[in-house]
């Protein structure tokens, strides 16, 4: 029997979207002089928000 994490593609899809967005804006951020660490922190924050939202959806 597959685990619930493997049977639910939504979190994986959202992670993919987060990765795509970060990759698309990376050059723009660097061109504006924003340190790449900011992008990494933004990615981490977005992933944390995703975990919270998915958890809340499971409650409902």
PDB file of N, CA and C in Angstrom:
ATOM      1  N   UNK A   1       0.830  -1.177   0.000  1.00  0.00           N
ATOM      2  CA  UNK A   1       0.000   0.000   0.000  1.00  0.00           C
ATOM      3  C   UNK A   1       0.881   1.249   0.000  1.00  0.00           C
ATOM      4  N   UNK A   2       0.571   2.211  -0.874  1.00  0.00           N
ATOM      5  CA  UNK A   2       1.369   3.430  -0.980  1.00  0.00           C
ATOM      6  C   UNK A   2       1.090   4.350   0.196  1.00  0.00           C
ATOM      7  N   UNK A   3       2.116   5.085   0.598  1.00  0.00           N
ATOM      8  CA  UNK A   3       1.904   6.034   1.688  1.00  0.00           C
ATOM      9  C   UNK A   3       1.112   7.229   1.182  1.00  0.00           C
ATOM     10  N   UNK A   4       0.504   7.960   2.113  1.00  0.00           N
ATOM     11  CA  UNK A   4      -0.319   9.102   1.716  1.00  0.00           C
ATOM     12  C   UNK A   4       0.513  10.186   1.044  1.00  0.00           C
ATOM     13  N   UNK A   5       1.775  10.330   1.428  1.00  0.00           N
ATOM     14  CA  UNK A   5       2.633  11.327   0.791  1.00  0.00           C
ATOM     15  C   UNK A   5       2.862  10.991  -0.674  1.00  0.00           C
ATOM     16  N   UNK A   6       2.990   9.703  -0.978  1.00  0.00           N
ATOM     17  CA  UNK A   6       3.208   9.294  -2.356  1.00  0.00           C
ATOM     18  C   UNK A   6       1.928   9.320  -3.171  1.00  0.00           C
ATOM     19  N   UNK A   7       0.778   9.153  -2.540  1.00  0.00           N
ATOM     20  CA  UNK A   7      -0.475   9.102  -3.270  1.00  0.00           C
ATOM     21  C   UNK A   7      -1.049  10.490  -3.527  1.00  0.00           C
ATOM     22  N   UNK A   8      -0.536  11.512  -2.872  1.00  0.00           N
ATOM     23  CA  UNK A   8      -1.031  12.867  -3.049  1.00  0.00           C
ATOM     24  C   UNK A   8       0.019  13.705  -3.776  1.00  0.00           C
ATOM     25  N   UNK A   9      -0.180  13.963  -5.075  1.00  0.00           N
ATOM     26  CA  UNK A   9       0.819  14.690  -5.854  1.00  0.00           C
ATOM     27  C   UNK A   9       0.799  16.199  -5.623  1.00  0.00           C
ATOM     28  N   UNK A  10      -0.185  16.720  -4.908  1.00  0.00           N
ATOM     29  CA  UNK A  10      -0.324  18.170  -4.767  1.00  0.00           C
ATOM     30  C   UNK A  10       0.894  18.818  -4.113  1.00  0.00           C
ATOM     31  N   UNK A  11       1.369  18.350  -2.947  1.00  0.00           N
ATOM     32  CA  UNK A  11       2.552  18.986  -2.373  1.00  0.00           C
ATOM     33  C   UNK A  11       3.760  18.948  -3.318  1.00  0.00           C
ATOM     34  N   UNK A  12       3.928  17.853  -4.033  1.00  0.00           N
ATOM     35  CA  UNK A  12       5.037  17.757  -4.979  1.00  0.00           C
ATOM     36  C   UNK A  12       4.862  18.781  -6.103  1.00  0.00           C
ATOM     37  N   UNK A  13       3.640  18.957  -6.557  1.00  0.00           N
ATOM     38  CA  UNK A  13       3.355  19.948  -7.596  1.00  0.00           C
ATOM     39  C   UNK A  13       3.676  21.350  -7.090  1.00  0.00           C
ATOM     40  N   UNK A  14       3.236  21.675  -5.876  1.00  0.00           N
ATOM     41  CA  UNK A  14       3.500  23.000  -5.323  1.00  0.00           C
ATOM     42  C   UNK A  14       4.993  23.238  -5.142  1.00  0.00           C
ATOM     43  N   UNK A  15       5.719  22.222  -4.699  1.00  0.00           N
ATOM     44  CA  UNK A  15       7.169  22.353  -4.552  1.00  0.00           C
ATOM     45  C   UNK A  15       7.805  22.635  -5.905  1.00  0.00           C
ATOM     46  N   UNK A  16       7.316  21.957  -6.929  1.00  0.00           N
ATOM     47  CA  UNK A  16       7.821  22.183  -8.277  1.00  0.00           C
ATOM     48  C   UNK A  16       7.557  23.618  -8.731  1.00  0.00           C
ATOM     49  N   UNK A  17       6.376  24.136  -8.401  1.00  0.00           N
ATOM     50  CA  UNK A  17       6.040  25.523  -8.755  1.00  0.00           C
ATOM     51  C   UNK A  17       6.966  26.493  -8.019  1.00  0.00           C
ATOM     52  N   UNK A  18       7.185  26.253  -6.728  1.00  0.00           N
ATOM     53  CA  UNK A  18       8.094  27.104  -5.954  1.00  0.00           C
ATOM     54  C   UNK A  18       9.480  27.095  -6.584  1.00  0.00           C
ATOM     55  N   UNK A  19       9.988  25.910  -6.906  1.00  0.00           N
ATOM     56  CA  UNK A  19      11.309  25.795  -7.531  1.00  0.00           C
ATOM     57  C   UNK A  19      11.360  26.549  -8.854  1.00  0.00           C
ATOM     58  N   UNK A  20      10.320  26.398  -9.670  1.00  0.00           N
ATOM     59  CA  UNK A  20      10.277  27.074 -10.972  1.00  0.00           C
ATOM     60  C   UNK A  20      10.287  28.592 -10.813  1.00  0.00           C
ATOM     61  N   UNK A  21       9.494  29.094  -9.874  1.00  0.00           N
ATOM     62  CA  UNK A  21       9.433  30.544  -9.661  1.00  0.00           C
ATOM     63  C   UNK A  21      10.786  31.071  -9.191  1.00  0.00           C
ATOM     64  N   UNK A  22      11.383  30.393  -8.231  1.00  0.00           N
ATOM     65  CA  UNK A  22      12.694  30.822  -7.732  1.00  0.00           C
ATOM     66  C   UNK A  22      13.714  30.830  -8.866  1.00  0.00           C
ATOM     67  N   UNK A  23      13.708  29.794  -9.683  1.00  0.00           N
ATOM     68  CA  UNK A  23      14.651  29.731 -10.801  1.00  0.00           C
ATOM     69  C   UNK A  23      14.409  30.836 -11.821  1.00  0.00           C
ATOM     70  N   UNK A  24      13.138  31.177 -12.046  1.00  0.00           N
ATOM     71  CA  UNK A  24      12.804  32.223 -13.021  1.00  0.00           C
ATOM     72  C   UNK A  24      13.203  33.620 -12.539  1.00  0.00           C
ATOM     73  N   UNK A  25      13.117  33.872 -11.238  1.00  0.00           N
ATOM     74  CA  UNK A  25      13.426  35.215 -10.735  1.00  0.00           C
ATOM     75  C   UNK A  25      14.876  35.367 -10.282  1.00  0.00           C
ATOM     76  N   UNK A  26      15.610  34.273 -10.240  1.00  0.00           N
ATOM     77  CA  UNK A  26      16.994  34.315  -9.753  1.00  0.00           C
ATOM     78  C   UNK A  26      17.814  35.391 -10.467  1.00  0.00           C
ATOM     79  N   UNK A  27      17.799  35.386 -11.785  1.00  0.00           N
ATOM     80  CA  UNK A  27      18.598  36.339 -12.557  1.00  0.00           C
ATOM     81  C   UNK A  27      18.144  37.781 -12.294  1.00  0.00           C
ATOM     82  N   UNK A  28      16.838  37.988 -12.209  1.00  0.00           N
ATOM     83  CA  UNK A  28      16.314  39.330 -11.917  1.00  0.00           C
ATOM     84  C   UNK A  28      16.788  39.821 -10.551  1.00  0.00           C
ATOM     85  N   UNK A  29      16.740  38.937  -9.565  1.00  0.00           N
ATOM     86  CA  UNK A  29      17.191  39.305  -8.226  1.00  0.00           C
ATOM     87  C   UNK A  29      18.679  39.652  -8.243  1.00  0.00           C
ATOM     88  N   UNK A  30      19.472  38.813  -8.896  1.00  0.00           N
ATOM     89  CA  UNK A  30      20.912  39.051  -8.943  1.00  0.00           C
ATOM     90  C   UNK A  30      21.230  40.341  -9.686  1.00  0.00           C
ATOM     91  N   UNK A  31      20.495  40.618 -10.772  1.00  0.00           N
ATOM     92  CA  UNK A  31      20.691  41.860 -11.527  1.00  0.00           C
ATOM     93  C   UNK A  31      20.405  43.091 -10.668  1.00  0.00           C
ATOM     94  N   UNK A  32      19.489  42.959  -9.729  1.00  0.00           N
ATOM     95  CA  UNK A  32      19.131  44.068  -8.838  1.00  0.00           C
ATOM     96  C   UNK A  32      20.028  44.127  -7.602  1.00  0.00           C
ATOM     97  N   UNK A  33      20.988  43.212  -7.524  1.00  0.00           N
ATOM     98  CA  UNK A  33      21.925  43.229  -6.410  1.00  0.00           C
ATOM     99  C   UNK A  33      21.434  42.515  -5.161  1.00  0.00           C
ATOM    100  N   UNK A  34      20.361  41.739  -5.300  1.00  0.00           N
ATOM    101  CA  UNK A  34      19.846  40.988  -4.159  1.00  0.00           C
ATOM    102  C   UNK A  34      20.695  39.732  -3.986  1.00  0.00           C
ATOM    103  N   UNK A  35      21.145  39.504  -2.776  1.00  0.00           N
ATOM    104  CA  UNK A  35      21.982  38.343  -2.489  1.00  0.00           C
ATOM    105  C   UNK A  35      21.205  37.047  -2.717  1.00  0.00           C
ATOM    106  N   UNK A  36      21.893  36.036  -3.213  1.00  0.00           N
ATOM    107  CA  UNK A  36      21.233  34.756  -3.475  1.00  0.00           C
ATOM    108  C   UNK A  36      20.690  34.115  -2.197  1.00  0.00           C
ATOM    109  N   UNK A  37      21.263  34.465  -1.058  1.00  0.00           N
ATOM    110  CA  UNK A  37      20.759  33.952   0.219  1.00  0.00           C
ATOM    111  C   UNK A  37      19.299  34.352   0.429  1.00  0.00           C
ATOM    112  N   UNK A  38      18.923  35.520  -0.071  1.00  0.00           N
ATOM    113  CA  UNK A  38      17.531  35.972   0.039  1.00  0.00           C
ATOM    114  C   UNK A  38      16.616  35.013  -0.717  1.00  0.00           C
ATOM    115  N   UNK A  39      17.045  34.581  -1.888  1.00  0.00           N
ATOM    116  CA  UNK A  39      16.262  33.613  -2.660  1.00  0.00           C
ATOM    117  C   UNK A  39      16.116  32.298  -1.907  1.00  0.00           C
ATOM    118  N   UNK A  40      17.190  31.847  -1.301  1.00  0.00           N
ATOM    119  CA  UNK A  40      17.134  30.598  -0.542  1.00  0.00           C
ATOM    120  C   UNK A  40      16.191  30.727   0.652  1.00  0.00           C
ATOM    121  N   UNK A  41      16.224  31.875   1.309  1.00  0.00           N
ATOM    122  CA  UNK A  41      15.316  32.098   2.438  1.00  0.00           C
ATOM    123  C   UNK A  41      13.868  32.179   1.966  1.00  0.00           C
ATOM    124  N   UNK A  42      13.650  32.823   0.831  1.00  0.00           N
ATOM    125  CA  UNK A  42      12.308  32.911   0.260  1.00  0.00           C
ATOM    126  C   UNK A  42      11.775  31.528  -0.092  1.00  0.00           C
ATOM    127  N   UNK A  43      12.635  30.705  -0.667  1.00  0.00           N
ATOM    128  CA  UNK A  43      12.246  29.338  -1.027  1.00  0.00           C
ATOM    129  C   UNK A  43      11.897  28.531   0.230  1.00  0.00           C
ATOM    130  N   UNK A  44      12.707  28.666   1.267  1.00  0.00           N
ATOM    131  CA  UNK A  44      12.454  27.964   2.525  1.00  0.00           C
ATOM    132  C   UNK A  44      11.144  28.427   3.151  1.00  0.00           C
ATOM    133  N   UNK A  45      10.906  29.728   3.128  1.00  0.00           N
ATOM    134  CA  UNK A  45       9.669  30.273   3.682  1.00  0.00           C
ATOM    135  C   UNK A  45       8.452  29.780   2.903  1.00  0.00           C
ATOM    136  N   UNK A  46       8.548  29.785   1.584  1.00  0.00           N
ATOM    137  CA  UNK A  46       7.433  29.315   0.755  1.00  0.00           C
ATOM    138  C   UNK A  46       7.140  27.842   1.035  1.00  0.00           C
ATOM    139  N   UNK A  47       8.176  27.036   1.198  1.00  0.00           N
ATOM    140  CA  UNK A  47       7.985  25.616   1.499  1.00  0.00           C
ATOM    141  C   UNK A  47       7.335  25.437   2.874  1.00  0.00           C
ATOM    142  N   UNK A  48       7.735  26.261   3.845  1.00  0.00           N
ATOM    143  CA  UNK A  48       7.141  26.176   5.185  1.00  0.00           C
ATOM    144  C   UNK A  48       5.662  26.545   5.145  1.00  0.00           C
ATOM    145  N   UNK A  49       5.333  27.580   4.391  1.00  0.00           N
ATOM    146  CA  UNK A  49       3.930  27.974   4.244  1.00  0.00           C
ATOM    147  C   UNK A  49       3.146  26.845   3.589  1.00  0.00           C
ATOM    148  N   UNK A  50       3.735  26.211   2.606  1.00  0.00           N
ATOM    149  CA  UNK A  50       3.086  25.086   1.933  1.00  0.00           C
ATOM    150  C   UNK A  50       2.772  23.964   2.921  1.00  0.00           C
ATOM    151  N   UNK A  51       3.720  23.629   3.775  1.00  0.00           N
ATOM    152  CA  UNK A  51       3.509  22.575   4.772  1.00  0.00           C
ATOM    153  C   UNK A  51       2.344  22.945   5.688  1.00  0.00           C
ATOM    154  N   UNK A  52       2.298  24.192   6.109  1.00  0.00           N
ATOM    155  CA  UNK A  52       1.204  24.642   6.983  1.00  0.00           C
ATOM    156  C   UNK A  52      -0.134  24.549   6.263  1.00  0.00           C
ATOM    157  N   UNK A  53      -0.182  25.022   5.028  1.00  0.00           N
ATOM    158  CA  UNK A  53      -1.437  24.989   4.277  1.00  0.00           C
ATOM    159  C   UNK A  53      -1.922  23.566   4.037  1.00  0.00           C
ATOM    160  N   UNK A  54      -1.011  22.684   3.680  1.00  0.00           N
ATOM    161  CA  UNK A  54      -1.390  21.284   3.453  1.00  0.00           C
ATOM    162  C   UNK A  54      -1.900  20.677   4.755  1.00  0.00           C
ATOM    163  N   UNK A  55      -1.250  20.997   5.864  1.00  0.00           N
ATOM    164  CA  UNK A  55      -1.701  20.492   7.164  1.00  0.00           C
ATOM    165  C   UNK A  55      -3.102  20.992   7.488  1.00  0.00           C
ATOM    166  N   UNK A  56      -3.356  22.258   7.218  1.00  0.00           N
ATOM    167  CA  UNK A  56      -4.681  22.820   7.474  1.00  0.00           C
ATOM    168  C   UNK A  56      -5.735  22.178   6.587  1.00  0.00           C
ATOM    169  N   UNK A  57      -5.394  21.886   5.361  1.00  0.00           N
ATOM    170  CA  UNK A  57      -6.341  21.238   4.458  1.00  0.00           C
ATOM    171  C   UNK A  57      -6.720  19.852   4.956  1.00  0.00           C
ATOM    172  N   UNK A  58      -5.774  19.161   5.585  1.00  0.00           N
ATOM    173  CA  UNK A  58      -6.061  17.826   6.117  1.00  0.00           C
ATOM    174  C   UNK A  58      -7.000  17.887   7.318  1.00  0.00           C
ATOM    175  N   UNK A  59      -7.006  19.021   8.020  1.00  0.00           N
ATOM    176  CA  UNK A  59      -7.906  19.188   9.164  1.00  0.00           C
ATOM    177  C   UNK A  59      -9.339  19.307   8.679  1.00  0.00           C
ATOM    178  N   UNK A  60      -9.554  20.013   7.589  1.00  0.00           N
ATOM    179  CA  UNK A  60     -10.901  20.240   7.072  1.00  0.00           C
ATOM    180  C   UNK A  60     -11.359  19.014   6.366  1.00  0.00           C
TER     181      UNK A  60
END
